[in-house]
């Protein structure tokens, strides 16, 4: 499997990162409107982005042909 293929990178990293950023942004918007549930969106989005970053490092450090 070619891990430098742009389509694979888009599916694995870019689209989920955008989803995580949307979760964080929605949570911030709720916090700005004084809704206490906004912290849930921010924390879930941050964990989601952290998982994506860890997956990137796991794939990039592993020498997969």
N, C-alpha and C. Protein backbone atom coordinates (compact mmCIF):
# COMPACT_ATOMS: atom_id res chain seq x y z
N UNK A 1 0.85 -1.17 0.00
CA UNK A 1 0.00 0.00 0.00
C UNK A 1 0.89 1.24 0.00
N UNK A 2 0.60 2.18 -0.85
CA UNK A 2 1.39 3.39 -0.98
C UNK A 2 0.83 4.46 -0.04
N UNK A 3 1.59 4.77 1.02
CA UNK A 3 1.11 5.73 2.01
C UNK A 3 1.36 7.17 1.60
N UNK A 4 1.98 7.38 0.44
CA UNK A 4 2.17 8.76 -0.04
C UNK A 4 1.10 9.16 -1.04
N UNK A 5 0.17 8.27 -1.32
CA UNK A 5 -0.92 8.57 -2.24
C UNK A 5 -1.79 9.68 -1.65
N UNK A 6 -2.04 10.76 -2.40
CA UNK A 6 -2.82 11.87 -1.85
C UNK A 6 -4.25 11.49 -1.46
N UNK A 7 -4.83 10.54 -2.15
CA UNK A 7 -6.19 10.13 -1.82
C UNK A 7 -6.23 9.47 -0.44
N UNK A 8 -5.26 8.62 -0.17
CA UNK A 8 -5.20 7.97 1.13
C UNK A 8 -4.96 8.98 2.23
N UNK A 9 -4.05 9.91 2.00
CA UNK A 9 -3.79 10.94 3.00
C UNK A 9 -5.03 11.78 3.26
N UNK A 10 -5.78 12.07 2.21
CA UNK A 10 -7.00 12.86 2.36
C UNK A 10 -8.03 12.11 3.21
N UNK A 11 -8.20 10.82 2.93
CA UNK A 11 -9.20 10.04 3.66
C UNK A 11 -8.79 9.82 5.11
N UNK A 12 -7.51 9.59 5.36
CA UNK A 12 -7.07 9.22 6.70
C UNK A 12 -6.84 10.43 7.59
N UNK A 13 -6.32 11.52 7.04
CA UNK A 13 -5.90 12.63 7.89
C UNK A 13 -6.68 13.92 7.70
N UNK A 14 -6.87 14.35 6.48
CA UNK A 14 -7.43 15.69 6.26
C UNK A 14 -8.92 15.74 6.58
N UNK A 15 -9.70 14.82 6.07
CA UNK A 15 -11.14 14.85 6.33
C UNK A 15 -11.48 14.64 7.81
N UNK A 16 -10.87 13.67 8.49
CA UNK A 16 -11.14 13.57 9.94
C UNK A 16 -10.65 14.78 10.73
N UNK A 17 -9.55 15.39 10.29
CA UNK A 17 -9.08 16.60 10.97
C UNK A 17 -10.08 17.73 10.83
N UNK A 18 -10.67 17.85 9.66
CA UNK A 18 -11.70 18.88 9.46
C UNK A 18 -12.91 18.61 10.36
N UNK A 19 -13.28 17.35 10.50
CA UNK A 19 -14.39 16.99 11.38
C UNK A 19 -14.07 17.36 12.83
N UNK A 20 -12.84 17.07 13.27
CA UNK A 20 -12.44 17.43 14.62
C UNK A 20 -12.43 18.93 14.83
N UNK A 21 -11.97 19.68 13.84
CA UNK A 21 -11.97 21.14 13.95
C UNK A 21 -13.39 21.69 13.99
N UNK A 22 -14.30 21.06 13.26
CA UNK A 22 -15.71 21.49 13.31
C UNK A 22 -16.28 21.24 14.70
N UNK A 23 -15.94 20.10 15.30
CA UNK A 23 -16.40 19.83 16.67
C UNK A 23 -15.87 20.87 17.65
N UNK A 24 -14.59 21.21 17.52
CA UNK A 24 -14.00 22.21 18.41
C UNK A 24 -14.66 23.57 18.18
N UNK A 25 -14.85 23.94 16.92
CA UNK A 25 -15.48 25.22 16.61
C UNK A 25 -16.91 25.31 17.10
N UNK A 26 -17.64 24.23 16.97
CA UNK A 26 -19.02 24.22 17.46
C UNK A 26 -19.05 24.32 18.99
N UNK A 27 -18.10 23.65 19.64
CA UNK A 27 -18.02 23.75 21.09
C UNK A 27 -17.67 25.15 21.55
N UNK A 28 -16.75 25.80 20.85
CA UNK A 28 -16.39 27.19 21.19
C UNK A 28 -17.59 28.11 20.99
N UNK A 29 -18.33 27.88 19.92
CA UNK A 29 -19.51 28.70 19.67
C UNK A 29 -20.53 28.53 20.80
N UNK A 30 -20.71 27.31 21.28
CA UNK A 30 -21.64 27.08 22.39
C UNK A 30 -21.14 27.72 23.67
N UNK A 31 -19.83 27.66 23.90
CA UNK A 31 -19.26 28.29 25.09
C UNK A 31 -19.46 29.80 25.03
N UNK A 32 -19.30 30.39 23.85
CA UNK A 32 -19.49 31.83 23.71
C UNK A 32 -20.94 32.23 23.95
N UNK A 33 -21.88 31.31 23.75
CA UNK A 33 -23.29 31.57 24.02
C UNK A 33 -23.69 31.11 25.41
N UNK A 34 -22.72 30.89 26.27
CA UNK A 34 -22.93 30.52 27.68
C UNK A 34 -23.68 29.21 27.85
N UNK A 35 -23.44 28.27 26.96
CA UNK A 35 -24.01 26.93 27.11
C UNK A 35 -22.94 26.02 27.70
N UNK A 36 -23.23 25.37 28.82
CA UNK A 36 -22.19 24.54 29.45
C UNK A 36 -21.85 23.28 28.66
N UNK A 37 -22.70 22.89 27.72
CA UNK A 37 -22.42 21.69 26.93
C UNK A 37 -21.34 21.91 25.88
N UNK A 38 -20.89 23.14 25.73
CA UNK A 38 -19.85 23.42 24.74
C UNK A 38 -18.53 22.75 25.04
N UNK A 39 -18.25 22.54 26.32
CA UNK A 39 -16.99 21.90 26.68
C UNK A 39 -16.94 20.45 26.21
N UNK A 40 -18.09 19.83 26.05
CA UNK A 40 -18.12 18.46 25.55
C UNK A 40 -17.63 18.43 24.11
N UNK A 41 -18.11 19.34 23.29
CA UNK A 41 -17.67 19.40 21.90
C UNK A 41 -16.20 19.72 21.76
N UNK A 42 -15.72 20.64 22.59
CA UNK A 42 -14.30 21.01 22.54
C UNK A 42 -13.43 19.83 22.94
N UNK A 43 -13.81 19.14 24.01
CA UNK A 43 -12.99 18.02 24.48
C UNK A 43 -13.04 16.84 23.51
N UNK A 44 -14.20 16.53 22.97
CA UNK A 44 -14.30 15.42 22.01
C UNK A 44 -13.53 15.76 20.74
N UNK A 45 -13.64 16.98 20.26
CA UNK A 45 -12.89 17.39 19.08
C UNK A 45 -11.39 17.35 19.30
N UNK A 46 -10.95 17.79 20.48
CA UNK A 46 -9.51 17.77 20.79
C UNK A 46 -8.98 16.34 20.87
N UNK A 47 -9.75 15.45 21.48
CA UNK A 47 -9.33 14.05 21.55
C UNK A 47 -9.29 13.44 20.16
N UNK A 48 -10.26 13.77 19.33
CA UNK A 48 -10.32 13.27 17.96
C UNK A 48 -9.09 13.73 17.18
N UNK A 49 -8.73 15.00 17.29
CA UNK A 49 -7.56 15.52 16.60
C UNK A 49 -6.29 14.89 17.15
N UNK A 50 -6.22 14.67 18.45
CA UNK A 50 -5.06 14.03 19.05
C UNK A 50 -4.88 12.61 18.53
N UNK A 51 -5.96 11.88 18.36
CA UNK A 51 -5.89 10.52 17.81
C UNK A 51 -5.38 10.55 16.38
N UNK A 52 -5.80 11.52 15.60
CA UNK A 52 -5.34 11.64 14.22
C UNK A 52 -3.85 11.95 14.18
N UNK A 53 -3.39 12.84 15.06
CA UNK A 53 -1.96 13.17 15.11
C UNK A 53 -1.14 11.95 15.51
N UNK A 54 -1.61 11.20 16.50
CA UNK A 54 -0.90 9.99 16.91
C UNK A 54 -0.88 8.95 15.78
N UNK A 55 -1.96 8.82 15.05
CA UNK A 55 -1.99 7.89 13.92
C UNK A 55 -1.00 8.31 12.84
N UNK A 56 -0.88 9.61 12.61
CA UNK A 56 0.09 10.10 11.63
C UNK A 56 1.51 9.72 12.03
N UNK A 57 1.84 9.94 13.30
CA UNK A 57 3.19 9.60 13.76
C UNK A 57 3.43 8.10 13.74
N UNK A 58 2.41 7.32 14.02
CA UNK A 58 2.57 5.87 13.97
C UNK A 58 2.83 5.40 12.54
N UNK A 59 2.14 5.98 11.58
CA UNK A 59 2.33 5.59 10.18
C UNK A 59 3.65 6.12 9.65
N UNK A 60 4.02 7.36 10.01
CA UNK A 60 5.23 7.95 9.44
C UNK A 60 6.50 7.36 10.04
N UNK A 61 6.49 6.91 11.30
CA UNK A 61 7.70 6.34 11.89
C UNK A 61 7.86 4.87 11.56
N UNK A 62 6.80 4.20 11.24
CA UNK A 62 6.87 2.79 10.87
C UNK A 62 7.29 2.70 9.41
N UNK A 63 8.31 1.94 9.13
CA UNK A 63 8.82 1.83 7.77
C UNK A 63 8.01 0.79 7.01
N UNK A 64 6.88 1.24 6.49
CA UNK A 64 6.01 0.34 5.73
C UNK A 64 6.31 0.52 4.25
N UNK A 65 6.53 -0.57 3.55
CA UNK A 65 6.90 -0.48 2.13
C UNK A 65 5.72 -0.17 1.27
